[in-house]
Protein backbone atom coordinates (compact mmCIF):
# COMPACT_ATOMS: atom_id res chain seq x y z
CA MET A 1 109.97 70.74 128.49
CA VAL A 2 109.41 68.94 125.20
CA THR A 3 106.93 66.08 125.62
CA PRO A 4 105.64 63.50 123.12
CA GLU A 5 102.25 65.27 123.17
CA TYR A 6 103.97 68.56 122.33
CA ILE A 7 105.76 67.02 119.35
CA ALA A 8 102.63 65.18 118.20
CA PHE A 9 100.61 68.41 118.25
CA TYR A 10 103.18 70.22 116.10
CA VAL A 11 103.35 67.32 113.64
CA CYS A 12 99.55 67.31 113.32
CA ALA A 13 99.51 71.10 112.97
CA ILE A 14 102.09 70.99 110.17
CA LEU A 15 100.09 68.29 108.33
CA VAL A 16 96.87 70.30 108.68
CA VAL A 17 98.56 73.43 107.29
CA ILE A 18 100.13 71.53 104.37
CA ILE A 19 96.87 69.79 103.40
CA THR A 20 94.89 73.03 103.73
CA VAL A 21 97.30 75.07 101.62
CA PHE A 22 97.94 72.54 98.86
CA GLY A 23 94.37 71.20 98.78
CA ASN A 24 92.94 74.67 98.21
CA LEU A 25 95.76 75.53 95.82
CA LEU A 26 94.72 72.56 93.67
CA ILE A 27 91.14 73.90 93.59
CA ILE A 28 92.38 77.36 92.59
CA ILE A 29 94.59 76.00 89.79
CA SER A 30 91.86 73.65 88.55
CA VAL A 31 89.14 76.28 88.26
CA CYS A 32 91.47 78.92 86.82
CA HIS A 33 93.22 76.66 84.29
CA PHE A 34 90.54 74.37 82.84
CA ARG A 35 88.03 76.25 80.69
CA GLN A 36 85.42 73.55 81.20
CA LEU A 37 85.31 74.55 84.85
CA HIS A 38 84.60 78.22 84.13
CA SER A 39 81.05 78.38 85.50
CA PRO A 40 79.29 80.75 87.94
CA THR A 41 79.20 78.11 90.68
CA ASN A 42 82.90 77.33 90.29
CA VAL A 43 83.76 81.04 90.46
CA LEU A 44 82.17 81.09 93.94
CA ILE A 45 83.99 77.87 94.84
CA LEU A 46 87.21 79.55 93.65
CA SER A 47 86.52 82.57 95.87
CA LEU A 48 85.94 80.27 98.85
CA ALA A 49 89.13 78.32 98.05
CA VAL A 50 91.16 81.56 97.95
CA ALA A 51 89.88 82.44 101.44
CA ASP A 52 90.63 78.91 102.70
CA PHE A 53 94.10 78.98 101.09
CA MET A 54 94.92 82.24 102.87
CA VAL A 55 93.65 80.84 106.18
CA GLY A 56 96.05 77.92 105.82
CA LEU A 57 98.95 80.13 104.73
CA PHE A 58 98.59 83.15 107.05
CA VAL A 59 96.31 82.31 109.98
CA MET A 60 96.74 78.66 110.90
CA PRO A 61 100.53 78.66 111.50
CA PHE A 62 100.43 81.60 113.91
CA GLY A 63 97.26 80.31 115.58
CA PHE A 64 98.69 76.85 116.20
CA ILE A 65 101.96 78.24 117.61
CA TRP A 66 100.10 80.70 119.83
CA MET A 67 97.85 78.00 121.23
CA THR A 68 100.66 75.49 121.77
CA GLU A 69 103.09 77.90 123.43
CA GLY A 70 100.48 79.91 125.33
CA CYS A 71 102.36 83.09 124.46
CA TRP A 72 102.52 85.53 121.51
CA PHE A 73 106.08 85.78 120.16
CA PHE A 74 105.58 87.77 116.96
CA GLY A 75 105.11 91.37 118.07
CA VAL A 76 102.48 94.04 117.60
CA SER A 77 102.58 94.24 113.78
CA MET A 78 102.06 90.52 113.30
CA CYS A 79 99.29 90.61 115.92
CA ALA A 80 97.49 93.24 113.82
CA PHE A 81 98.16 91.19 110.68
CA LEU A 82 96.79 87.99 112.23
CA ASN A 83 93.64 89.53 113.66
CA PHE A 84 92.73 91.43 110.50
CA PHE A 85 93.21 88.35 108.32
CA ALA A 86 91.32 86.14 110.77
CA PHE A 87 88.32 88.51 110.77
CA GLN A 88 88.50 89.16 107.03
CA LEU A 89 88.84 85.55 105.89
CA THR A 90 86.16 84.29 108.27
CA THR A 91 83.72 86.88 106.94
CA CYS A 92 84.58 86.06 103.32
CA SER A 93 84.21 82.33 103.90
CA VAL A 94 80.79 82.67 105.51
CA HIS A 95 79.49 85.00 102.81
CA ASN A 96 80.90 82.86 99.99
CA VAL A 97 79.18 79.77 101.35
CA ALA A 98 75.94 81.78 101.59
CA LEU A 99 76.40 82.90 97.96
CA ILE A 100 76.89 79.28 96.91
CA ALA A 101 73.56 78.45 98.57
CA VAL A 102 71.90 81.32 96.66
CA ASP A 103 73.51 80.12 93.42
CA ARG A 104 72.24 76.56 93.87
CA TYR A 105 68.77 77.77 94.77
CA LEU A 106 68.56 79.87 91.59
CA ALA A 107 69.91 77.00 89.46
CA LEU A 108 67.29 74.58 90.79
CA SER A 109 64.30 76.89 91.15
CA ASN A 110 64.54 78.36 87.64
CA PRO A 111 67.19 76.57 85.54
CA PHE A 112 66.17 78.24 82.27
CA MET A 113 66.56 81.76 83.73
CA TYR A 114 69.78 80.73 85.50
CA THR A 115 71.53 79.50 82.34
CA LYS A 116 70.50 82.63 80.41
CA GLN A 117 71.17 85.38 82.96
CA ILE A 118 73.69 84.12 85.53
CA THR A 119 77.06 84.34 83.77
CA VAL A 120 80.66 83.85 84.85
CA ARG A 121 81.18 87.62 84.60
CA ILE A 122 78.32 88.29 87.03
CA ALA A 123 79.70 85.68 89.44
CA VAL A 124 83.16 87.31 89.31
CA ILE A 125 81.67 90.75 90.02
CA VAL A 126 79.63 89.40 92.95
CA ALA A 127 82.68 87.62 94.40
CA LEU A 128 84.84 90.76 94.11
CA ILE A 129 82.14 92.91 95.74
CA THR A 130 81.93 90.38 98.59
CA TRP A 131 85.67 90.69 99.24
CA LEU A 132 85.63 94.50 99.05
CA VAL A 133 82.63 94.82 101.38
CA SER A 134 84.29 92.40 103.80
CA VAL A 135 87.50 94.48 103.83
CA GLY A 136 85.52 97.64 104.53
CA TYR A 137 83.42 96.03 107.25
CA ASN A 138 86.34 94.44 109.13
CA SER A 139 88.49 97.56 108.84
CA SER A 140 85.63 99.54 110.39
CA LEU A 141 85.11 96.97 113.14
CA LEU A 142 88.77 97.02 114.19
CA TYR A 143 89.13 100.80 113.79
CA TYR A 144 86.08 101.74 115.87
CA ASN A 145 87.18 99.35 118.60
CA GLY A 146 90.51 101.14 118.87
CA PHE A 147 92.56 98.19 117.64
CA PHE A 148 94.87 100.25 115.43
CA THR A 149 95.48 102.90 118.11
CA THR A 150 95.71 100.83 121.31
CA SER A 151 97.60 97.80 120.04
CA LEU A 152 100.96 99.54 120.73
CA ALA A 153 100.26 99.19 124.46
CA LEU A 154 99.87 95.43 124.30
CA CYS A 155 101.87 93.18 126.55
CA PRO A 156 104.51 91.52 124.31
CA SER A 157 103.16 88.05 125.14
CA GLU A 158 99.52 88.87 124.28
CA CYS A 159 97.51 89.39 121.11
CA PRO A 160 93.93 90.10 122.19
CA VAL A 161 91.07 91.65 120.21
CA LEU A 162 88.83 93.74 122.43
CA VAL A 163 85.46 94.32 120.75
CA SER A 164 82.67 96.29 122.39
CA GLU A 165 79.39 94.59 123.25
CA ALA A 166 77.52 96.53 120.54
CA TRP A 167 80.06 95.56 117.87
CA SER A 168 80.00 91.96 119.09
CA TRP A 169 76.29 91.76 118.36
CA VAL A 170 76.73 93.50 115.01
CA ASP A 171 79.47 91.03 114.09
CA PHE A 172 77.34 88.11 115.26
CA ALA A 173 74.50 89.25 113.00
CA VAL A 174 76.60 90.16 109.93
CA VAL A 175 79.02 87.23 109.98
CA PHE A 176 76.89 84.46 111.47
CA ALA A 177 73.16 84.94 112.07
CA ILE A 178 72.08 86.52 108.76
CA PRO A 179 74.18 84.44 106.30
CA CYS A 180 73.59 81.19 108.19
CA SER A 181 69.83 81.85 108.29
CA ILE A 182 69.93 82.40 104.52
CA MET A 183 71.80 79.10 104.05
CA PHE A 184 69.37 77.20 106.26
CA VAL A 185 66.22 78.58 104.58
CA LEU A 186 67.55 78.16 101.04
CA TYR A 187 68.71 74.59 101.56
CA LEU A 188 65.32 73.65 102.98
CA LYS A 189 63.85 75.05 99.76
CA ILE A 190 66.50 73.33 97.66
CA PHE A 191 65.71 69.92 99.14
CA ALA A 192 61.98 70.56 98.63
CA ILE A 193 62.58 71.55 94.99
CA ALA A 194 64.84 68.54 94.38
CA ARG A 195 62.18 66.22 95.78
CA LYS A 196 59.48 67.88 93.65
CA HIS A 197 61.60 67.56 90.50
CA ALA A 198 62.39 63.92 91.24
CA MET A 199 58.67 63.19 91.54
CA ALA A 200 57.97 65.11 88.30
CA ILE A 201 60.65 63.15 86.44
CA ARG A 202 59.28 59.82 87.68
CA ALA A 203 55.75 60.85 86.67
CA ALA A 204 56.93 61.99 83.22
CA ASN A 205 58.89 58.77 82.67
CA SER A 206 55.87 56.67 83.58
CA GLN A 207 53.83 58.49 80.91
CA GLY A 208 56.51 58.54 78.24
CA LYS A 209 59.29 60.94 77.27
CA PRO A 210 58.66 64.52 78.51
CA SER A 211 58.39 67.40 76.08
CA ASN A 212 61.24 69.84 75.49
CA ALA A 213 59.37 72.59 77.34
CA LYS A 214 59.12 70.46 80.41
CA GLN A 215 62.75 69.45 80.15
CA ASP A 216 63.81 73.10 80.18
CA ASN A 217 62.15 73.59 83.58
CA ILE A 218 63.75 70.52 85.15
CA PRO A 219 67.38 70.86 86.23
CA LYS A 220 69.93 68.38 85.00
CA LYS A 221 70.95 65.50 87.22
CA SER A 222 74.40 67.12 87.57
CA GLU A 223 72.77 70.30 88.93
CA ARG A 224 70.83 68.35 91.54
CA LYS A 225 73.95 66.40 92.53
CA ALA A 226 75.93 69.64 92.84
CA ALA A 227 73.25 71.04 95.13
CA MET A 228 73.44 67.96 97.36
CA VAL A 229 77.25 68.08 97.55
CA LEU A 230 77.22 71.78 98.35
CA GLY A 231 74.59 71.02 100.97
CA ILE A 232 77.18 68.76 102.62
CA LEU A 233 79.70 71.61 102.38
CA VAL A 234 77.26 73.96 104.13
CA PHE A 235 76.49 71.36 106.83
CA VAL A 236 80.19 70.82 107.60
CA PHE A 237 80.73 74.57 107.59
CA LEU A 238 77.97 75.08 110.16
CA LEU A 239 79.45 72.33 112.36
CA CYS A 240 82.76 74.21 112.35
CA VAL A 241 81.40 77.73 112.82
CA LEU A 242 78.63 77.09 115.39
CA PRO A 243 80.88 76.28 118.40
CA TYR A 244 82.83 79.52 118.02
CA TYR A 245 79.81 81.79 117.83
CA ILE A 246 77.98 79.99 120.61
CA ALA A 247 81.06 80.42 122.81
CA SER A 248 81.43 84.09 121.80
CA VAL A 249 77.81 84.83 122.72
CA MET A 250 78.12 83.03 126.06
CA ALA A 251 81.34 84.93 126.79
CA GLU A 252 79.34 88.18 126.62
CA PHE A 253 77.24 87.08 129.60
CA ILE A 254 79.62 84.88 131.57
CA TYR A 255 82.93 86.52 132.45
CA SER A 256 85.47 83.79 133.01
CA ASP A 257 89.03 82.97 131.98
CA ILE A 258 87.75 79.56 130.89
CA PHE A 259 85.83 81.15 128.02
CA GLU A 260 89.03 82.71 126.68
CA ASP A 261 90.48 79.22 126.28
CA ILE A 262 87.20 77.95 124.84
CA LEU A 263 87.18 80.77 122.27
CA ASN A 264 90.76 79.93 121.27
CA TYR A 265 89.95 76.25 120.74
CA THR A 266 86.66 76.91 118.92
CA SER A 267 88.40 79.44 116.66
CA LEU A 268 90.79 76.68 115.58
CA ILE A 269 87.77 74.46 114.85
CA LEU A 270 86.45 77.31 112.71
CA TYR A 271 89.74 77.48 110.80
CA LEU A 272 89.73 73.71 110.30
CA ASN A 273 86.79 74.18 107.95
CA SER A 274 89.38 75.39 105.44
CA LEU A 275 90.87 71.89 105.63
CA CYS A 276 87.50 70.15 105.22
CA ASN A 277 86.43 71.83 101.98
CA PRO A 278 89.13 70.33 99.68
CA ILE A 279 88.44 66.91 101.23
CA ILE A 280 84.73 67.27 100.39
CA TYR A 281 85.58 68.20 96.79
CA ALA A 282 88.01 65.27 96.52
CA LEU A 283 85.39 62.80 97.79
CA PHE A 284 82.38 63.99 95.78
CA TYR A 285 83.58 65.86 92.68
CA PRO A 286 85.00 63.71 89.84
CA TRP A 287 86.18 66.88 88.08
CA PHE A 288 88.39 67.75 91.05
CA GLN A 289 89.82 64.23 91.13
CA LYS A 290 90.62 64.31 87.42
CA SER A 291 92.02 67.85 87.39
CA THR A 292 94.19 67.05 90.43
CA LYS A 293 95.63 64.04 88.59
CA LEU A 294 96.39 66.22 85.55
CA ILE A 295 98.07 68.86 87.73
CA LEU A 296 100.17 66.45 89.76
CA THR A 297 101.37 64.64 86.62
CA CYS A 298 102.29 68.03 85.07
CA ARG A 299 100.02 67.44 82.06
CA ILE A 300 98.71 71.00 82.42
CA CYS A 301 102.10 72.13 81.09
CA THR A 302 101.29 70.72 77.65
CA THR A 303 99.87 72.76 74.77
CA ASP A 304 96.11 73.39 74.93
CA SER A 305 95.89 71.64 78.30
CA SER A 306 93.26 74.17 79.38
CA LEU A 307 90.89 72.56 76.85
CA MET A 308 91.19 69.09 78.37
CA GLN A 309 87.96 67.40 79.44
CA VAL A 310 87.76 67.11 83.22
CA LYS A 311 84.03 66.38 83.63
């Protein structure tokens, strides 16, 4: 029976998918097209946006339908497709956010070294390695848990992923505990460094204009602002990812059908992070606001549009 709640859920789901896909697509086009945005940090943001875009395009639609209908309609092949992409994109997202934290820490702790040694090429190589390692890890996880060999025996209305207890703990460490610990520690250091630099700048201003040597060791205001904005991104990410992994750990010790439903709902919260990231960029990054305006008005189709100033 079709109820108003049923229709409202599907309308909301469609809006979430549209915003997620087009919001992240705007980030991808912006960073790829405008040369002014070709920086190591933006390469990592691009990598994260690609993962979020694919979540919105491939994972969210099937996940929303599955949750709403309470039944899997799409067969064994699509079940394998969904689960691999869900594992792969979650891993990539977590590791990209951790890399962004590392990038901001390096930029603030030693800005002179960062500008000289951390190049766009290095950032591209690191991002590609992250994706390749993630593919290898998730393929191994699914293979050694018999997913590719036992999925043919699935009930047509089900699409489960049965992971052994040992692999569950490995996955918890690799995808959640280690990268999130790195984020937490680095952002504590980032805030400490930002506070130290702010105090140094105030002290230097009170004594007159600082020397060039001192200026080289103090990050620009834009660098400090970027670190704060990306700190918000990490905080929102942790809010979205924590419920799922807390529920998954509890499910290892408490066997109940309720936890299956909880895991389904918390996994959707995890995927909703892909919706939040473009909203964060739109609220806090003027370059994203300006580049979006140029894209939507088709001004990027003009000659030399890649050289336009967006900062």
